[in-house]
Structures are given as structure tokens and as C-alpha cells.
Amino acid sequence: MEKQFLEMIAVHKAIIHKVSRLYRDSPEDREDLFQEIVLQLWQSFPKFEGKSKQSTWIYRVALNTAMASYRKKRILLLFTERLPDKEDSNIDYENREREQQLFVILKTLNEGDRALLALYFEDFDYREMAEITGLSENHIAVKMGRIRSRLKKTLNPAK
């Protein structure tokens, strides 16, 4: 079971990094959140029945963990012998700068809207987003329309 879990984390660690980056500012806080998410995944791994894709399940646990710990604002002290590898940094500087700007804008959104956008950027459809968040597909469609409008105004204030 441990081997399967570690393989799953290795394959999907980018998801955990993205969620950590959306909900934490400093590298140390992101590492703490990463570890907390992995801990929550490990604790709930025996209950994962495979009825959904692993990525869907990981997003659900990661977002719930990030939002819960964000609201509690507690300090997590989890230690491991070795931190996981960082997400690949083979992104050119122009894309990295645009990515940084996007994360700054995303942090202005509330935590629920950030979660929906993270799923949207990963090409989840509304049905899958509903499965992860527990919201209805219709509610997600309405929220995504409002989020898009808000982002357009933020990105193009003169229009």
C-alpha cells in the first residue's frame, strides 16, 4: 500500500504544489501545506475506492485541506527526513513572469473561487468540478461566469 501511495504522489505532486501555491505565500508555508496535504492523503488513502480518477480525489483532499487550514490559521509542524522534489522549473522567464502575475491576481479571489479556477485550469469539466467541490454543475457554471467577468475587469481595467 505504501508503494502505491508514493507512486501516486510522485505522479500527481504538481497538483499538490499548485494548490499549495494558491493558498500560501511563503515557500516555508507552501512546504508546510504540501506536507499537510500529503498527510491527509495518506490518512484517507485506505478509503479511496477508485470510483473517481486519482487526480480528482487528490484535488478534493488538497483543496479541502488548504481551505480548512487557511480558515484555522494554525501552525503546522510536520517533519520529514526529506522534502519532496519541487515542481519542475523548466519554464522560460517570460512564462514564469506571467505565471507570477496570474498567481497574484488569483490570490485576490476568495478561497472557493480560487479552488474552482485551479480545477478549471486543469481542464476539469463542470461535472468533475461538481464531484470535487460538492457544488451543482449549474452553480459552478454561474460562478465561473462571474469569476471570468471579474478577472477580465482586473486584467483589462480600461475596457
C-alpha atoms as a PDB file:
ATOM      1  CA  MET A   1       0.000   0.000   0.000  1.00  0.00           C
ATOM      2  CA  GLU A   2       2.838   2.410   0.841  1.00  0.00           C
ATOM      3  CA  LYS A   3       4.476   1.831  -2.541  1.00  0.00           C
ATOM      4  CA  GLN A   4       1.200   2.548  -4.378  1.00  0.00           C
ATOM      5  CA  PHE A   5       0.713   5.710  -2.357  1.00  0.00           C
ATOM      6  CA  LEU A   6       4.244   7.002  -3.032  1.00  0.00           C
ATOM      7  CA  GLU A   7       3.854   6.288  -6.749  1.00  0.00           C
ATOM      8  CA  MET A   8       0.561   8.168  -6.808  1.00  0.00           C
ATOM      9  CA  ILE A   9       2.126  11.161  -5.045  1.00  0.00           C
ATOM     10  CA  ALA A  10       5.070  11.142  -7.467  1.00  0.00           C
ATOM     11  CA  VAL A  11       2.724  11.177 -10.458  1.00  0.00           C
ATOM     12  CA  HIS A  12       0.407  13.873  -9.067  1.00  0.00           C
ATOM     13  CA  LYS A  13       2.732  16.055  -6.963  1.00  0.00           C
ATOM     14  CA  ALA A  14       2.203  19.000  -9.347  1.00  0.00           C
ATOM     15  CA  ILE A  15      -1.435  19.163  -8.194  1.00  0.00           C
ATOM     16  CA  ILE A  16      -0.339  19.488  -4.574  1.00  0.00           C
ATOM     17  CA  HIS A  17       2.248  22.132  -5.485  1.00  0.00           C
ATOM     18  CA  LYS A  18      -0.373  24.185  -7.356  1.00  0.00           C
ATOM     19  CA  VAL A  19      -2.843  24.089  -4.501  1.00  0.00           C
ATOM     20  CA  SER A  20      -0.094  24.939  -2.018  1.00  0.00           C
ATOM     21  CA  ARG A  21       0.952  27.890  -4.140  1.00  0.00           C
ATOM     22  CA  LEU A  22      -2.620  29.156  -4.420  1.00  0.00           C
ATOM     23  CA  TYR A  23      -3.162  29.143  -0.665  1.00  0.00           C
ATOM     24  CA  ARG A  24       0.248  30.057   0.789  1.00  0.00           C
ATOM     25  CA  ASP A  25       2.624  32.929   0.063  1.00  0.00           C
ATOM     26  CA  SER A  26       5.982  31.967   1.515  1.00  0.00           C
ATOM     27  CA  PRO A  27       7.996  28.921   0.421  1.00  0.00           C
ATOM     28  CA  GLU A  28       8.030  27.646   4.008  1.00  0.00           C
ATOM     29  CA  ASP A  29       4.254  27.900   4.330  1.00  0.00           C
ATOM     30  CA  ARG A  30       3.825  26.160   0.966  1.00  0.00           C
ATOM     31  CA  GLU A  31       6.074  23.311   2.132  1.00  0.00           C
ATOM     32  CA  ASP A  32       4.058  23.028   5.347  1.00  0.00           C
ATOM     33  CA  LEU A  33       0.799  22.905   3.422  1.00  0.00           C
ATOM     34  CA  PHE A  34       2.269  20.373   0.971  1.00  0.00           C
ATOM     35  CA  GLN A  35       3.138  18.112   3.897  1.00  0.00           C
ATOM     36  CA  GLU A  36      -0.281  18.576   5.491  1.00  0.00           C
ATOM     37  CA  ILE A  37      -1.984  17.646   2.216  1.00  0.00           C
ATOM     38  CA  VAL A  38       0.197  14.551   1.827  1.00  0.00           C
ATOM     39  CA  LEU A  39      -0.601  13.570   5.411  1.00  0.00           C
ATOM     40  CA  GLN A  40      -4.336  13.939   4.761  1.00  0.00           C
ATOM     41  CA  LEU A  41      -4.000  11.936   1.545  1.00  0.00           C
ATOM     42  CA  TRP A  42      -2.118   9.185   3.388  1.00  0.00           C
ATOM     43  CA  GLN A  43      -4.721   9.040   6.158  1.00  0.00           C
ATOM     44  CA  SER A  44      -7.582   8.798   3.691  1.00  0.00           C
ATOM     45  CA  PHE A  45      -5.805   6.592   1.118  1.00  0.00           C
ATOM     46  CA  PRO A  46      -7.211   3.316   2.532  1.00  0.00           C
ATOM     47  CA  LYS A  47     -10.736   4.703   1.946  1.00  0.00           C
ATOM     48  CA  PHE A  48     -10.045   5.667  -1.692  1.00  0.00           C
ATOM     49  CA  GLU A  49     -12.125   3.210  -3.694  1.00  0.00           C
ATOM     50  CA  GLY A  50     -11.109   4.324  -7.175  1.00  0.00           C
ATOM     51  CA  LYS A  51     -14.631   5.424  -8.115  1.00  0.00           C
ATOM     52  CA  SER A  52     -13.115   8.680  -9.401  1.00  0.00           C
ATOM     53  CA  LYS A  53      -9.789   9.453 -11.012  1.00  0.00           C
ATOM     54  CA  GLN A  54      -6.854   9.761  -8.634  1.00  0.00           C
ATOM     55  CA  SER A  55      -6.338  13.364  -9.718  1.00  0.00           C
ATOM     56  CA  THR A  56      -9.959  14.194  -8.872  1.00  0.00           C
ATOM     57  CA  TRP A  57      -9.616  12.651  -5.424  1.00  0.00           C
ATOM     58  CA  ILE A  58      -6.263  14.386  -4.810  1.00  0.00           C
ATOM     59  CA  TYR A  59      -7.725  17.773  -5.779  1.00  0.00           C
ATOM     60  CA  ARG A  60     -10.657  17.239  -3.435  1.00  0.00           C
ATOM     61  CA  VAL A  61      -8.441  16.348  -0.466  1.00  0.00           C
ATOM     62  CA  ALA A  62      -5.881  19.057  -1.302  1.00  0.00           C
ATOM     63  CA  LEU A  63      -8.430  21.847  -1.676  1.00  0.00           C
ATOM     64  CA  ASN A  64     -10.359  20.824   1.432  1.00  0.00           C
ATOM     65  CA  THR A  65      -7.127  20.658   3.437  1.00  0.00           C
ATOM     66  CA  ALA A  66      -5.903  24.017   2.118  1.00  0.00           C
ATOM     67  CA  MET A  67      -9.184  25.770   2.803  1.00  0.00           C
ATOM     68  CA  ALA A  68      -9.613  24.221   6.248  1.00  0.00           C
ATOM     69  CA  SER A  69      -6.093  25.085   7.363  1.00  0.00           C
ATOM     70  CA  TYR A  70      -6.402  28.541   5.783  1.00  0.00           C
ATOM     71  CA  ARG A  71      -9.504  29.263   7.850  1.00  0.00           C
ATOM     72  CA  LYS A  72      -7.982  27.917  11.053  1.00  0.00           C
ATOM     73  CA  LYS A  73      -4.681  29.777  10.502  1.00  0.00           C
ATOM     74  CA  ARG A  74      -2.931  27.270  12.683  1.00  0.00           C
ATOM     75  CA  ILE A  75       0.728  26.484  12.597  1.00  0.00           C
ATOM     76  CA  LEU A  76       1.526  23.011  11.316  1.00  0.00           C
ATOM     77  CA  LEU A  77       4.737  21.381  12.443  1.00  0.00           C
ATOM     78  CA  LEU A  78       5.343  18.274  10.411  1.00  0.00           C
ATOM     79  CA  PHE A  79       8.829  16.991   9.852  1.00  0.00           C
ATOM     80  CA  THR A  80      10.152  14.515   7.340  1.00  0.00           C
ATOM     81  CA  GLU A  81      13.654  13.377   6.625  1.00  0.00           C
ATOM     82  CA  ARG A  82      13.444  14.602   3.055  1.00  0.00           C
ATOM     83  CA  LEU A  83      11.152  17.115   1.375  1.00  0.00           C
ATOM     84  CA  PRO A  84       9.594  16.120  -1.945  1.00  0.00           C
ATOM     85  CA  ASP A  85      11.174  17.406  -5.125  1.00  0.00           C
ATOM     86  CA  LYS A  86       9.957  20.806  -6.206  1.00  0.00           C
ATOM     87  CA  GLU A  87       7.745  21.116  -9.233  1.00  0.00           C
ATOM     88  CA  ASP A  88       9.805  21.205 -12.433  1.00  0.00           C
ATOM     89  CA  SER A  89      11.186  24.671 -13.080  1.00  0.00           C
ATOM     90  CA  ASN A  90      11.899  24.317 -16.807  1.00  0.00           C
ATOM     91  CA  ILE A  91       9.633  27.269 -17.600  1.00  0.00           C
ATOM     92  CA  ASP A  92      11.116  30.146 -19.597  1.00  0.00           C
ATOM     93  CA  TYR A  93      11.356  33.526 -17.861  1.00  0.00           C
ATOM     94  CA  GLU A  94       8.521  35.172 -19.813  1.00  0.00           C
ATOM     95  CA  ASN A  95       6.094  32.398 -18.897  1.00  0.00           C
ATOM     96  CA  ARG A  96       7.339  32.420 -15.315  1.00  0.00           C
ATOM     97  CA  GLU A  97       6.639  36.152 -15.021  1.00  0.00           C
ATOM     98  CA  ARG A  98       3.155  35.773 -16.483  1.00  0.00           C
ATOM     99  CA  GLU A  99       2.547  32.865 -14.129  1.00  0.00           C
ATOM    100  CA  GLN A 100       3.626  35.020 -11.163  1.00  0.00           C
ATOM    101  CA  GLN A 101       1.221  37.784 -12.242  1.00  0.00           C
ATOM    102  CA  LEU A 102      -1.587  35.274 -12.560  1.00  0.00           C
ATOM    103  CA  PHE A 103      -0.978  33.937  -9.045  1.00  0.00           C
ATOM    104  CA  VAL A 104      -1.029  37.495  -7.650  1.00  0.00           C
ATOM    105  CA  ILE A 105      -4.413  38.090  -9.291  1.00  0.00           C
ATOM    106  CA  LEU A 106      -5.763  34.694  -8.175  1.00  0.00           C
ATOM    107  CA  LYS A 107      -4.856  35.438  -4.564  1.00  0.00           C
ATOM    108  CA  THR A 108      -7.288  38.382  -4.650  1.00  0.00           C
ATOM    109  CA  LEU A 109     -10.168  35.913  -5.134  1.00  0.00           C
ATOM    110  CA  ASN A 110     -11.885  34.164  -2.266  1.00  0.00           C
ATOM    111  CA  GLU A 111     -10.795  30.617  -1.494  1.00  0.00           C
ATOM    112  CA  GLY A 112     -13.777  28.956  -3.181  1.00  0.00           C
ATOM    113  CA  ASP A 113     -13.264  30.866  -6.425  1.00  0.00           C
ATOM    114  CA  ARG A 114      -9.541  30.029  -6.348  1.00  0.00           C
ATOM    115  CA  ALA A 115     -10.415  26.356  -5.986  1.00  0.00           C
ATOM    116  CA  LEU A 116     -12.760  26.469  -8.986  1.00  0.00           C
ATOM    117  CA  LEU A 117     -10.166  28.238 -11.128  1.00  0.00           C
ATOM    118  CA  ALA A 118      -7.481  25.739 -10.162  1.00  0.00           C
ATOM    119  CA  LEU A 119      -9.756  22.943 -11.359  1.00  0.00           C
ATOM    120  CA  TYR A 120     -10.697  24.875 -14.491  1.00  0.00           C
ATOM    121  CA  PHE A 121      -7.030  25.409 -15.376  1.00  0.00           C
ATOM    122  CA  GLU A 122      -6.518  21.663 -15.066  1.00  0.00           C
ATOM    123  CA  ASP A 123      -9.230  21.094 -17.697  1.00  0.00           C
ATOM    124  CA  PHE A 124     -11.760  19.542 -15.353  1.00  0.00           C
ATOM    125  CA  ASP A 125     -15.276  19.823 -16.769  1.00  0.00           C
ATOM    126  CA  TYR A 126     -18.158  21.146 -14.669  1.00  0.00           C
ATOM    127  CA  ARG A 127     -19.311  17.620 -13.793  1.00  0.00           C
ATOM    128  CA  GLU A 128     -15.883  16.728 -12.393  1.00  0.00           C
ATOM    129  CA  MET A 129     -15.663  20.087 -10.619  1.00  0.00           C
ATOM    130  CA  ALA A 130     -19.045  19.387  -9.033  1.00  0.00           C
ATOM    131  CA  GLU A 131     -17.830  15.978  -7.872  1.00  0.00           C
ATOM    132  CA  ILE A 132     -14.746  17.506  -6.249  1.00  0.00           C
ATOM    133  CA  THR A 133     -16.384  20.549  -4.659  1.00  0.00           C
ATOM    134  CA  GLY A 134     -19.833  19.221  -3.833  1.00  0.00           C
ATOM    135  CA  LEU A 135     -21.478  22.113  -5.707  1.00  0.00           C
ATOM    136  CA  SER A 136     -24.004  21.592  -8.502  1.00  0.00           C
ATOM    137  CA  GLU A 137     -22.878  21.880 -12.119  1.00  0.00           C
ATOM    138  CA  ASN A 138     -25.264  24.794 -12.634  1.00  0.00           C
ATOM    139  CA  HIS A 139     -23.892  26.639  -9.615  1.00  0.00           C
ATOM    140  CA  ILE A 140     -20.340  26.129 -10.900  1.00  0.00           C
ATOM    141  CA  ALA A 141     -21.311  27.463 -14.342  1.00  0.00           C
ATOM    142  CA  VAL A 142     -22.773  30.601 -12.778  1.00  0.00           C
ATOM    143  CA  LYS A 143     -19.768  31.104 -10.501  1.00  0.00           C
ATOM    144  CA  MET A 144     -17.315  30.575 -13.373  1.00  0.00           C
ATOM    145  CA  GLY A 145     -19.120  33.209 -15.437  1.00  0.00           C
ATOM    146  CA  ARG A 146     -18.833  35.693 -12.577  1.00  0.00           C
ATOM    147  CA  ILE A 147     -15.184  34.816 -11.978  1.00  0.00           C
ATOM    148  CA  ARG A 148     -14.367  35.309 -15.669  1.00  0.00           C
ATOM    149  CA  SER A 149     -16.080  38.705 -15.651  1.00  0.00           C
ATOM    150  CA  ARG A 150     -14.181  39.759 -12.541  1.00  0.00           C
ATOM    151  CA  LEU A 151     -10.855  38.590 -13.995  1.00  0.00           C
ATOM    152  CA  LYS A 152     -11.495  40.400 -17.296  1.00  0.00           C
ATOM    153  CA  LYS A 153     -12.115  43.635 -15.391  1.00  0.00           C
ATOM    154  CA  THR A 154      -8.953  43.106 -13.359  1.00  0.00           C
ATOM    155  CA  LEU A 155      -6.806  42.274 -16.386  1.00  0.00           C
ATOM    156  CA  ASN A 156      -8.312  44.964 -18.637  1.00  0.00           C
ATOM    157  CA  PRO A 157      -9.369  47.834 -16.329  1.00  0.00           C
ATOM    158  CA  ALA A 158      -9.660  50.393 -19.163  1.00  0.00           C
ATOM    159  CA  LYS A 159     -12.373  48.446 -21.003  1.00  0.00           C
END
